[in-house]
Amino acid sequence: MILNVSGRTDIVAFYSKWFINRYREGFLDVRNPFYPKNVSRIFFKDVDAILFCTKNPIPILSYLKEIDKPILFHVTLTSYKKDIEPNIPSKKMIIEAVKELSSIVGIDNLYIRYDPIFISSKYNLEYHRRAFEKLCCLLEGYVNKIIVSFIDDYKNVKNNARILKQRKFTESDYKIIGEKFSESAKKYRISVQTCFEEENLTSYGFVKGECLSHELAYRMTGKKFPNWKARKEQKCNCVQMVDVGVYNTCPHHCKYCYANYNEEIVEENIKEHHDDSSMLIGYLSNDDNLTIRKK
């Protein structure tokens, strides 16, 4: 199996010590987000590769040498300020960490995500154009792929509508983003792609690809995996992954986040995190239904 660490929260940024404790012990437990009494135990001996998704790779850098599994990193780097991303560290620090990460895992195993894009009077098209150009310039030679996606109408997005102040995209907006982003990426020898986006930007030079393709998964592991069935619509060709995170546990508090929808619940959940626990939040209970997951 391939672990997703994690689409539900930023384990790397906030819970790296917990994760490496679990790796050293050889297993971790994951509570089903829809049926909480059902718990899956995953032994790392059954894990073929790990996809780390984060906005801040710094906390895990010193631990990576201990992990003897194939590793893929997705690092989200946007240009938003503290009004939108209140708890993200300095982007300069993140970029320096990405450069170090590239030397550890290799340029082919490191993706940057400029994700999600929304447009407002403050964060307008010209703002994004300049920010993306600068990002490509700073990361030339350290990454060769950037994934772009657009904001979705999640519960948290609706809750923060007065902060985001976004406007709807037009066909002209997509055209400008497609042309300008492709131009910047090509200039700095980087490919730019979308994944699971309705808008097709390939005519402007984008690649329509996957976050984790079957080809990349096979190259990393020598194994074939089924399609990711977590998607309701069959438009995503990413391989199946097992997420080990917990919703409403990310202290970044980004205003566009799909994985958080109540900041008070986030703060309460964080209090239940323990580095010595087998699961991210809370402890395993005697009445939990524990099963071993192998794929």
C-alpha atoms as a PDB file:
ATOM      1  CA  MET A   1       0.000   0.000   0.000  1.00  0.00           C
ATOM      2  CA  ILE A   2       0.938   3.665  -0.357  1.00  0.00           C
ATOM      3  CA  LEU A   3       0.448   5.912   2.669  1.00  0.00           C
ATOM      4  CA  ASN A   4      -0.862   9.445   2.238  1.00  0.00           C
ATOM      5  CA  VAL A   5       0.625  11.506   5.076  1.00  0.00           C
ATOM      6  CA  SER A   6      -1.762  13.307   4.787  1.00  0.00           C
ATOM      7  CA  GLY A   7      -4.640  14.867   2.906  1.00  0.00           C
ATOM      8  CA  ARG A   8      -6.636  15.287   6.123  1.00  0.00           C
ATOM      9  CA  THR A   9      -4.130  17.335   8.102  1.00  0.00           C
ATOM     10  CA  ASP A  10      -0.508  18.483   7.962  1.00  0.00           C
ATOM     11  CA  ILE A  11       1.216  15.674   9.846  1.00  0.00           C
ATOM     12  CA  VAL A  12       4.658  16.755   8.628  1.00  0.00           C
ATOM     13  CA  ALA A  13       4.311  20.323   9.905  1.00  0.00           C
ATOM     14  CA  PHE A  14       2.788  19.552  13.304  1.00  0.00           C
ATOM     15  CA  TYR A  15       3.056  15.850  14.095  1.00  0.00           C
ATOM     16  CA  SER A  16       6.397  14.679  12.678  1.00  0.00           C
ATOM     17  CA  LYS A  17       7.601  13.459  16.062  1.00  0.00           C
ATOM     18  CA  TRP A  18       4.482  11.305  16.407  1.00  0.00           C
ATOM     19  CA  PHE A  19       4.937   9.887  12.917  1.00  0.00           C
ATOM     20  CA  ILE A  20       8.574   8.950  13.407  1.00  0.00           C
ATOM     21  CA  ASN A  21       7.688   7.376  16.779  1.00  0.00           C
ATOM     22  CA  ARG A  22       5.161   5.208  14.967  1.00  0.00           C
ATOM     23  CA  TYR A  23       7.653   4.368  12.232  1.00  0.00           C
ATOM     24  CA  ARG A  24      10.214   3.284  14.810  1.00  0.00           C
ATOM     25  CA  GLU A  25       7.647   1.127  16.588  1.00  0.00           C
ATOM     26  CA  GLY A  26       6.531  -0.392  13.310  1.00  0.00           C
ATOM     27  CA  PHE A  27       2.824   0.405  13.127  1.00  0.00           C
ATOM     28  CA  LEU A  28       0.151   3.066  13.496  1.00  0.00           C
ATOM     29  CA  ASP A  29      -3.617   3.072  14.014  1.00  0.00           C
ATOM     30  CA  VAL A  30      -6.086   5.060  11.920  1.00  0.00           C
ATOM     31  CA  ARG A  31      -9.644   5.740  13.021  1.00  0.00           C
ATOM     32  CA  ASN A  32     -12.254   5.670  10.248  1.00  0.00           C
ATOM     33  CA  PRO A  33     -13.549   9.269   9.900  1.00  0.00           C
ATOM     34  CA  PHE A  34     -17.092   8.059   9.098  1.00  0.00           C
ATOM     35  CA  TYR A  35     -17.283   5.067  11.458  1.00  0.00           C
ATOM     36  CA  PRO A  36     -15.102   6.157  14.412  1.00  0.00           C
ATOM     37  CA  LYS A  37     -15.186   2.855  16.301  1.00  0.00           C
ATOM     38  CA  ASN A  38     -13.557   1.129  13.328  1.00  0.00           C
ATOM     39  CA  VAL A  39      -9.784   1.363  13.541  1.00  0.00           C
ATOM     40  CA  SER A  40      -7.258   0.138  10.985  1.00  0.00           C
ATOM     41  CA  ARG A  41      -3.820  -0.959  12.132  1.00  0.00           C
ATOM     42  CA  ILE A  42      -1.139  -0.478   9.508  1.00  0.00           C
ATOM     43  CA  PHE A  43       2.243  -2.137   9.850  1.00  0.00           C
ATOM     44  CA  PHE A  44       5.036  -0.337   8.036  1.00  0.00           C
ATOM     45  CA  LYS A  45       6.314  -3.672   6.738  1.00  0.00           C
ATOM     46  CA  ASP A  46       3.192  -3.657   4.529  1.00  0.00           C
ATOM     47  CA  VAL A  47       3.837  -0.119   3.233  1.00  0.00           C
ATOM     48  CA  ASP A  48       5.396   0.161  -0.232  1.00  0.00           C
ATOM     49  CA  ALA A  49       5.835   3.954  -0.385  1.00  0.00           C
ATOM     50  CA  ILE A  50       4.920   7.145   1.442  1.00  0.00           C
ATOM     51  CA  LEU A  51       3.496  10.353   0.002  1.00  0.00           C
ATOM     52  CA  PHE A  52       4.092  13.284   2.357  1.00  0.00           C
ATOM     53  CA  CYS A  53       1.816  16.312   1.782  1.00  0.00           C
ATOM     54  CA  THR A  54       2.743  19.469   3.668  1.00  0.00           C
ATOM     55  CA  LYS A  55       3.078  23.230   3.715  1.00  0.00           C
ATOM     56  CA  ASN A  56       6.136  23.031   5.928  1.00  0.00           C
ATOM     57  CA  PRO A  57       8.641  20.193   5.470  1.00  0.00           C
ATOM     58  CA  ILE A  58      11.136  21.586   8.008  1.00  0.00           C
ATOM     59  CA  PRO A  59      10.107  19.440  11.033  1.00  0.00           C
ATOM     60  CA  ILE A  60      10.661  16.124   9.241  1.00  0.00           C
ATOM     61  CA  LEU A  61      13.933  16.872   7.430  1.00  0.00           C
ATOM     62  CA  SER A  62      16.146  15.478  10.179  1.00  0.00           C
ATOM     63  CA  TYR A  63      14.089  12.255  10.364  1.00  0.00           C
ATOM     64  CA  LEU A  64      14.031  11.347   6.677  1.00  0.00           C
ATOM     65  CA  LYS A  65      17.282   9.386   6.792  1.00  0.00           C
ATOM     66  CA  GLU A  66      15.546   6.865   9.087  1.00  0.00           C
ATOM     67  CA  ILE A  67      12.812   6.051   6.573  1.00  0.00           C
ATOM     68  CA  ASP A  68      13.831   3.224   4.250  1.00  0.00           C
ATOM     69  CA  LYS A  69      10.709   3.405   2.082  1.00  0.00           C
ATOM     70  CA  PRO A  70      10.382   5.211  -1.272  1.00  0.00           C
ATOM     71  CA  ILE A  71       9.286   8.774  -0.522  1.00  0.00           C
ATOM     72  CA  LEU A  72       7.355  11.312  -2.565  1.00  0.00           C
ATOM     73  CA  PHE A  73       6.775  14.875  -1.329  1.00  0.00           C
ATOM     74  CA  HIS A  74       4.076  17.376  -2.239  1.00  0.00           C
ATOM     75  CA  VAL A  75       4.872  20.792  -0.762  1.00  0.00           C
ATOM     76  CA  THR A  76       2.188  23.461  -1.076  1.00  0.00           C
ATOM     77  CA  LEU A  77       3.656  26.912  -1.677  1.00  0.00           C
ATOM     78  CA  THR A  78       1.263  29.767  -2.295  1.00  0.00           C
ATOM     79  CA  SER A  79       1.705  33.521  -2.136  1.00  0.00           C
ATOM     80  CA  TYR A  80      -1.095  34.360   0.303  1.00  0.00           C
ATOM     81  CA  LYS A  81      -0.520  36.518   3.378  1.00  0.00           C
ATOM     82  CA  LYS A  82      -1.485  35.999   7.022  1.00  0.00           C
ATOM     83  CA  ASP A  83      -5.115  36.971   6.383  1.00  0.00           C
ATOM     84  CA  ILE A  84      -5.511  33.732   4.407  1.00  0.00           C
ATOM     85  CA  GLU A  85      -2.741  31.522   5.849  1.00  0.00           C
ATOM     86  CA  PRO A  86      -2.347  32.777   9.437  1.00  0.00           C
ATOM     87  CA  ASN A  87       0.059  30.148  10.752  1.00  0.00           C
ATOM     88  CA  ILE A  88       2.315  29.314   7.827  1.00  0.00           C
ATOM     89  CA  PRO A  89       6.004  30.054   8.520  1.00  0.00           C
ATOM     90  CA  SER A  90       8.024  32.415   6.359  1.00  0.00           C
ATOM     91  CA  LYS A  91       7.839  31.374   2.708  1.00  0.00           C
ATOM     92  CA  LYS A  92      11.571  32.101   2.421  1.00  0.00           C
ATOM     93  CA  MET A  93      12.209  29.432   5.063  1.00  0.00           C
ATOM     94  CA  ILE A  94       9.943  26.985   3.255  1.00  0.00           C
ATOM     95  CA  ILE A  95      11.723  27.557  -0.047  1.00  0.00           C
ATOM     96  CA  GLU A  96      15.108  26.908   1.567  1.00  0.00           C
ATOM     97  CA  ALA A  97      13.685  23.719   3.089  1.00  0.00           C
ATOM     98  CA  VAL A  98      12.394  22.654  -0.340  1.00  0.00           C
ATOM     99  CA  LYS A  99      15.897  23.056  -1.742  1.00  0.00           C
ATOM    100  CA  GLU A 100      17.279  20.831   1.017  1.00  0.00           C
ATOM    101  CA  LEU A 101      14.461  18.361   0.486  1.00  0.00           C
ATOM    102  CA  SER A 102      15.276  18.155  -3.209  1.00  0.00           C
ATOM    103  CA  SER A 103      18.800  17.023  -2.373  1.00  0.00           C
ATOM    104  CA  ILE A 104      17.456  14.350   0.011  1.00  0.00           C
ATOM    105  CA  VAL A 105      14.610  12.725  -1.952  1.00  0.00           C
ATOM    106  CA  GLY A 106      15.601  13.786  -5.479  1.00  0.00           C
ATOM    107  CA  ILE A 107      14.053  16.240  -7.901  1.00  0.00           C
ATOM    108  CA  ASP A 108      11.800  13.580  -9.481  1.00  0.00           C
ATOM    109  CA  ASN A 109      10.188  12.781  -6.122  1.00  0.00           C
ATOM    110  CA  LEU A 110       9.339  16.373  -5.206  1.00  0.00           C
ATOM    111  CA  TYR A 111       6.267  18.247  -6.430  1.00  0.00           C
ATOM    112  CA  ILE A 112       5.281  21.817  -5.598  1.00  0.00           C
ATOM    113  CA  ARG A 113       1.603  22.671  -5.348  1.00  0.00           C
ATOM    114  CA  TYR A 114       0.439  26.206  -6.132  1.00  0.00           C
ATOM    115  CA  ASP A 115      -2.884  25.331  -4.627  1.00  0.00           C
ATOM    116  CA  PRO A 116      -5.570  26.575  -4.474  1.00  0.00           C
ATOM    117  CA  ILE A 117      -5.851  29.651  -6.648  1.00  0.00           C
ATOM    118  CA  PHE A 118      -8.637  32.086  -5.902  1.00  0.00           C
ATOM    119  CA  ILE A 119      -9.083  35.602  -7.231  1.00  0.00           C
ATOM    120  CA  SER A 120     -10.013  38.705  -5.250  1.00  0.00           C
ATOM    121  CA  SER A 121      -9.265  42.408  -5.454  1.00  0.00           C
ATOM    122  CA  LYS A 122      -6.162  41.801  -3.291  1.00  0.00           C
ATOM    123  CA  TYR A 123      -5.074  38.514  -4.853  1.00  0.00           C
ATOM    124  CA  ASN A 124      -5.816  39.376  -8.459  1.00  0.00           C
ATOM    125  CA  LEU A 125      -4.494  37.827 -11.664  1.00  0.00           C
ATOM    126  CA  GLU A 126      -1.450  40.068 -11.813  1.00  0.00           C
ATOM    127  CA  TYR A 127      -0.613  39.199  -8.205  1.00  0.00           C
ATOM    128  CA  HIS A 128      -0.716  35.472  -9.013  1.00  0.00           C
ATOM    129  CA  ARG A 129       1.253  35.959 -12.226  1.00  0.00           C
ATOM    130  CA  ARG A 130       4.091  37.715 -10.414  1.00  0.00           C
ATOM    131  CA  ALA A 131       4.032  35.282  -7.489  1.00  0.00           C
ATOM    132  CA  PHE A 132       4.169  32.231  -9.732  1.00  0.00           C
ATOM    133  CA  GLU A 133       7.001  33.715 -11.805  1.00  0.00           C
ATOM    134  CA  LYS A 134       9.005  34.370  -8.627  1.00  0.00           C
ATOM    135  CA  LEU A 135       8.326  30.865  -7.319  1.00  0.00           C
ATOM    136  CA  CYS A 136       9.592  29.290 -10.540  1.00  0.00           C
ATOM    137  CA  CYS A 137      12.670  31.506 -10.496  1.00  0.00           C
ATOM    138  CA  LEU A 138      13.580  30.631  -6.903  1.00  0.00           C
ATOM    139  CA  LEU A 139      13.101  26.889  -7.415  1.00  0.00           C
ATOM    140  CA  GLU A 140      14.781  26.461 -10.790  1.00  0.00           C
ATOM    141  CA  GLY A 141      16.955  23.361 -10.664  1.00  0.00           C
ATOM    142  CA  TYR A 142      15.362  22.101  -7.440  1.00  0.00           C
ATOM    143  CA  VAL A 143      11.938  21.019  -8.727  1.00  0.00           C
ATOM    144  CA  ASN A 144      10.681  20.103 -12.161  1.00  0.00           C
ATOM    145  CA  LYS A 145       6.914  19.843 -11.538  1.00  0.00           C
ATOM    146  CA  ILE A 146       4.339  22.256 -10.143  1.00  0.00           C
ATOM    147  CA  ILE A 147       0.710  21.234  -9.679  1.00  0.00           C
ATOM    148  CA  VAL A 148      -1.910  23.976  -9.930  1.00  0.00           C
ATOM    149  CA  SER A 149      -5.500  23.761  -8.741  1.00  0.00           C
ATOM    150  CA  PHE A 150      -8.393  26.147  -8.216  1.00  0.00           C
ATOM    151  CA  ILE A 151     -10.454  26.807  -5.113  1.00  0.00           C
ATOM    152  CA  ASP A 152     -13.518  24.622  -4.506  1.00  0.00           C
ATOM    153  CA  ASP A 153     -16.716  25.471  -2.670  1.00  0.00           C
ATOM    154  CA  TYR A 154     -15.925  23.632   0.567  1.00  0.00           C
ATOM    155  CA  LYS A 155     -17.727  24.256   3.860  1.00  0.00           C
ATOM    156  CA  ASN A 156     -14.729  26.149   5.214  1.00  0.00           C
ATOM    157  CA  VAL A 157     -14.594  28.315   2.088  1.00  0.00           C
ATOM    158  CA  LYS A 158     -18.226  29.281   2.634  1.00  0.00           C
ATOM    159  CA  ASN A 159     -17.578  29.975   6.317  1.00  0.00           C
ATOM    160  CA  ASN A 160     -14.722  32.319   5.408  1.00  0.00           C
ATOM    161  CA  ALA A 161     -16.370  34.043   2.447  1.00  0.00           C
ATOM    162  CA  ARG A 162     -16.044  37.490   4.056  1.00  0.00           C
ATOM    163  CA  ILE A 163     -12.297  36.954   4.522  1.00  0.00           C
ATOM    164  CA  LEU A 164     -11.586  35.410   1.128  1.00  0.00           C
ATOM    165  CA  LYS A 165     -13.700  37.921  -0.802  1.00  0.00           C
ATOM    166  CA  GLN A 166     -13.234  35.815  -3.900  1.00  0.00           C
ATOM    167  CA  ARG A 167     -14.923  36.279  -7.231  1.00  0.00           C
ATOM    168  CA  LYS A 168     -15.870  33.665  -9.797  1.00  0.00           C
ATOM    169  CA  PHE A 169     -13.412  32.678 -12.497  1.00  0.00           C
ATOM    170  CA  THR A 170     -14.142  33.573 -16.092  1.00  0.00           C
ATOM    171  CA  GLU A 171     -12.871  31.896 -19.242  1.00  0.00           C
ATOM    172  CA  SER A 172     -10.585  34.895 -19.676  1.00  0.00           C
ATOM    173  CA  ASP A 173      -9.107  34.285 -16.214  1.00  0.00           C
ATOM    174  CA  TYR A 174      -8.306  30.670 -17.041  1.00  0.00           C
ATOM    175  CA  LYS A 175      -6.751  31.736 -20.324  1.00  0.00           C
ATOM    176  CA  ILE A 176      -4.495  34.289 -18.646  1.00  0.00           C
ATOM    177  CA  ILE A 177      -3.439  31.834 -15.947  1.00  0.00           C
ATOM    178  CA  GLY A 178      -2.852  29.113 -18.523  1.00  0.00           C
ATOM    179  CA  GLU A 179      -0.735  31.301 -20.772  1.00  0.00           C
ATOM    180  CA  LYS A 180       1.240  33.198 -18.122  1.00  0.00           C
ATOM    181  CA  PHE A 181       1.916  30.249 -15.838  1.00  0.00           C
ATOM    182  CA  SER A 182       3.017  28.076 -18.759  1.00  0.00           C
ATOM    183  CA  GLU A 183       5.309  30.847 -19.943  1.00  0.00           C
ATOM    184  CA  SER A 184       6.953  31.227 -16.524  1.00  0.00           C
ATOM    185  CA  ALA A 185       7.310  27.481 -15.972  1.00  0.00           C
ATOM    186  CA  LYS A 186       8.911  26.935 -19.372  1.00  0.00           C
ATOM    187  CA  LYS A 187      11.319  29.811 -18.767  1.00  0.00           C
ATOM    188  CA  TYR A 188      12.661  28.073 -15.649  1.00  0.00           C
ATOM    189  CA  ARG A 189      12.568  24.489 -17.015  1.00  0.00           C
ATOM    190  CA  ILE A 190       9.584  23.397 -14.933  1.00  0.00           C
ATOM    191  CA  SER A 191       6.431  21.631 -16.115  1.00  0.00           C
ATOM    192  CA  VAL A 192       3.077  22.817 -14.801  1.00  0.00           C
ATOM    193  CA  GLN A 193       0.097  20.522 -14.483  1.00  0.00           C
ATOM    194  CA  THR A 194      -3.400  20.153 -13.109  1.00  0.00           C
ATOM    195  CA  CYS A 195      -4.931  17.126 -11.412  1.00  0.00           C
ATOM    196  CA  PHE A 196      -8.654  16.441 -11.024  1.00  0.00           C
ATOM    197  CA  GLU A 197      -9.600  19.860 -12.424  1.00  0.00           C
ATOM    198  CA  GLU A 198     -12.564  20.389 -14.723  1.00  0.00           C
ATOM    199  CA  GLU A 199     -10.810  23.224 -16.525  1.00  0.00           C
ATOM    200  CA  ASN A 200      -8.528  21.886 -19.267  1.00  0.00           C
ATOM    201  CA  LEU A 201      -5.467  24.102 -19.663  1.00  0.00           C
ATOM    202  CA  THR A 202      -3.468  21.800 -21.948  1.00  0.00           C
ATOM    203  CA  SER A 203      -3.930  24.111 -24.929  1.00  0.00           C
ATOM    204  CA  TYR A 204      -1.850  26.690 -23.053  1.00  0.00           C
ATOM    205  CA  GLY A 205       0.991  24.303 -22.252  1.00  0.00           C
ATOM    206  CA  PHE A 206      -0.234  22.640 -19.039  1.00  0.00           C
ATOM    207  CA  VAL A 207       0.045  18.901 -18.535  1.00  0.00           C
ATOM    208  CA  LYS A 208      -3.126  17.121 -17.436  1.00  0.00           C
ATOM    209  CA  GLY A 209      -1.641  14.604 -15.053  1.00  0.00           C
ATOM    210  CA  GLU A 210      -2.018  12.959 -11.663  1.00  0.00           C
ATOM    211  CA  CYS A 211      -0.746  13.782  -8.202  1.00  0.00           C
ATOM    212  CA  LEU A 212       0.517  10.217  -8.004  1.00  0.00           C
ATOM    213  CA  SER A 213       0.347   8.465 -11.346  1.00  0.00           C
ATOM    214  CA  HIS A 214       0.410   4.731 -11.939  1.00  0.00           C
ATOM    215  CA  GLU A 215       3.691   5.166 -13.808  1.00  0.00           C
ATOM    216  CA  LEU A 216       5.366   6.972 -10.905  1.00  0.00           C
ATOM    217  CA  ALA A 217       4.009   4.503  -8.349  1.00  0.00           C
ATOM    218  CA  TYR A 218       5.383   1.612 -10.404  1.00  0.00           C
ATOM    219  CA  ARG A 219       8.764   3.315 -10.752  1.00  0.00           C
ATOM    220  CA  MET A 220       8.933   3.829  -6.991  1.00  0.00           C
ATOM    221  CA  THR A 221       7.701   0.411  -5.888  1.00  0.00           C
ATOM    222  CA  GLY A 222       7.765  -2.015  -8.821  1.00  0.00           C
ATOM    223  CA  LYS A 223       4.096  -2.729  -8.106  1.00  0.00           C
ATOM    224  CA  LYS A 224       0.767  -1.912  -9.736  1.00  0.00           C
ATOM    225  CA  PHE A 225      -2.038  -0.296  -7.745  1.00  0.00           C
ATOM    226  CA  PRO A 226      -5.761   0.265  -8.425  1.00  0.00           C
ATOM    227  CA  ASN A 227      -7.240   3.697  -9.062  1.00  0.00           C
ATOM    228  CA  TRP A 228      -8.047   5.880  -6.084  1.00  0.00           C
ATOM    229  CA  LYS A 229     -11.679   5.145  -5.230  1.00  0.00           C
ATOM    230  CA  ALA A 230     -11.940   7.999  -2.732  1.00  0.00           C
ATOM    231  CA  ARG A 231     -13.114  10.230  -5.564  1.00  0.00           C
ATOM    232  CA  LYS A 232     -16.849  10.261  -6.159  1.00  0.00           C
ATOM    233  CA  GLU A 233     -16.387  11.121  -9.816  1.00  0.00           C
ATOM    234  CA  GLN A 234     -14.180   8.933 -11.974  1.00  0.00           C
ATOM    235  CA  LYS A 235     -12.034  11.747 -13.304  1.00  0.00           C
ATOM    236  CA  CYS A 236      -8.991  11.121 -11.157  1.00  0.00           C
ATOM    237  CA  ASN A 237      -6.431   8.550 -12.269  1.00  0.00           C
ATOM    238  CA  CYS A 238      -4.250   8.735  -9.161  1.00  0.00           C
ATOM    239  CA  VAL A 239      -3.364   5.433  -7.540  1.00  0.00           C
ATOM    240  CA  GLN A 240      -5.128   4.217  -4.428  1.00  0.00           C
ATOM    241  CA  MET A 241      -3.621   5.581  -1.214  1.00  0.00           C
ATOM    242  CA  VAL A 242      -4.372   5.124   2.486  1.00  0.00           C
ATOM    243  CA  ASP A 243      -4.686   8.385   4.405  1.00  0.00           C
ATOM    244  CA  VAL A 244      -3.465   8.279   8.010  1.00  0.00           C
ATOM    245  CA  GLY A 245      -4.601  11.754   9.071  1.00  0.00           C
ATOM    246  CA  VAL A 246      -7.583  13.149  10.966  1.00  0.00           C
ATOM    247  CA  TYR A 247      -9.873  15.952   9.816  1.00  0.00           C
ATOM    248  CA  ASN A 248     -10.098  19.143  11.899  1.00  0.00           C
ATOM    249  CA  THR A 249      -6.609  18.799  13.380  1.00  0.00           C
ATOM    250  CA  CYS A 250      -4.486  21.256  11.367  1.00  0.00           C
ATOM    251  CA  PRO A 251      -3.357  24.403  13.225  1.00  0.00           C
ATOM    252  CA  HIS A 252      -2.450  26.202  10.000  1.00  0.00           C
ATOM    253  CA  HIS A 253      -6.086  27.442   9.929  1.00  0.00           C
ATOM    254  CA  CYS A 254      -5.930  28.345   6.233  1.00  0.00           C
ATOM    255  CA  LYS A 255      -9.179  30.000   5.235  1.00  0.00           C
ATOM    256  CA  TYR A 256      -9.660  27.877   2.102  1.00  0.00           C
ATOM    257  CA  CYS A 257      -8.952  24.498   3.733  1.00  0.00           C
ATOM    258  CA  TYR A 258     -11.144  21.509   2.882  1.00  0.00           C
ATOM    259  CA  ALA A 259      -9.923  19.389   5.823  1.00  0.00           C
ATOM    260  CA  ASN A 260     -10.819  21.873   8.583  1.00  0.00           C
ATOM    261  CA  TYR A 261     -14.267  23.368   8.978  1.00  0.00           C
ATOM    262  CA  ASN A 262     -14.398  24.388  12.656  1.00  0.00           C
ATOM    263  CA  GLU A 263     -11.424  26.068  14.337  1.00  0.00           C
ATOM    264  CA  GLU A 264     -12.798  25.444  17.846  1.00  0.00           C
ATOM    265  CA  ILE A 265     -12.975  21.715  17.139  1.00  0.00           C
ATOM    266  CA  VAL A 266      -9.431  21.859  15.756  1.00  0.00           C
ATOM    267  CA  GLU A 267      -8.133  23.326  19.009  1.00  0.00           C
ATOM    268  CA  GLU A 268     -10.017  20.734  21.076  1.00  0.00           C
ATOM    269  CA  ASN A 269      -8.693  17.881  18.932  1.00  0.00           C
ATOM    270  CA  ILE A 270      -5.125  19.120  19.231  1.00  0.00           C
ATOM    271  CA  LYS A 271      -5.375  18.757  23.017  1.00  0.00           C
ATOM    272  CA  GLU A 272      -6.040  15.049  22.480  1.00  0.00           C
ATOM    273  CA  HIS A 273      -2.844  14.499  20.496  1.00  0.00           C
ATOM    274  CA  HIS A 274      -0.095  12.523  22.246  1.00  0.00           C
ATOM    275  CA  ASP A 275       3.246  11.658  20.689  1.00  0.00           C
ATOM    276  CA  ASP A 276       3.229   8.277  22.445  1.00  0.00           C
ATOM    277  CA  SER A 277      -0.194   7.207  21.145  1.00  0.00           C
ATOM    278  CA  SER A 278      -0.602   4.700  18.315  1.00  0.00           C
ATOM    279  CA  MET A 279      -3.121   7.066  16.682  1.00  0.00           C
ATOM    280  CA  LEU A 280      -2.896  10.726  15.818  1.00  0.00           C
ATOM    281  CA  ILE A 281      -5.715  11.915  18.083  1.00  0.00           C
ATOM    282  CA  GLY A 282      -6.579  10.199  21.335  1.00  0.00           C
ATOM    283  CA  TYR A 283      -5.807   6.609  22.266  1.00  0.00           C
ATOM    284  CA  LEU A 284      -7.079   3.217  21.198  1.00  0.00           C
ATOM    285  CA  SER A 285     -10.080   2.139  23.315  1.00  0.00           C
ATOM    286  CA  ASN A 286     -11.011  -1.338  24.512  1.00  0.00           C
ATOM    287  CA  ASP A 287     -14.294  -1.199  22.598  1.00  0.00           C
ATOM    288  CA  ASP A 288     -12.724  -0.162  19.292  1.00  0.00           C
ATOM    289  CA  ASN A 289     -13.080  -2.588  16.393  1.00  0.00           C
ATOM    290  CA  LEU A 290      -9.441  -3.095  15.398  1.00  0.00           C
ATOM    291  CA  THR A 291      -8.519  -4.721  12.089  1.00  0.00           C
ATOM    292  CA  ILE A 292      -5.213  -5.159  10.277  1.00  0.00           C
ATOM    293  CA  ARG A 293      -5.050  -3.347   6.943  1.00  0.00           C
ATOM    294  CA  LYS A 294      -2.660  -4.697   4.339  1.00  0.00           C
ATOM    295  CA  LYS A 295      -3.724  -2.762   1.221  1.00  0.00           C
END
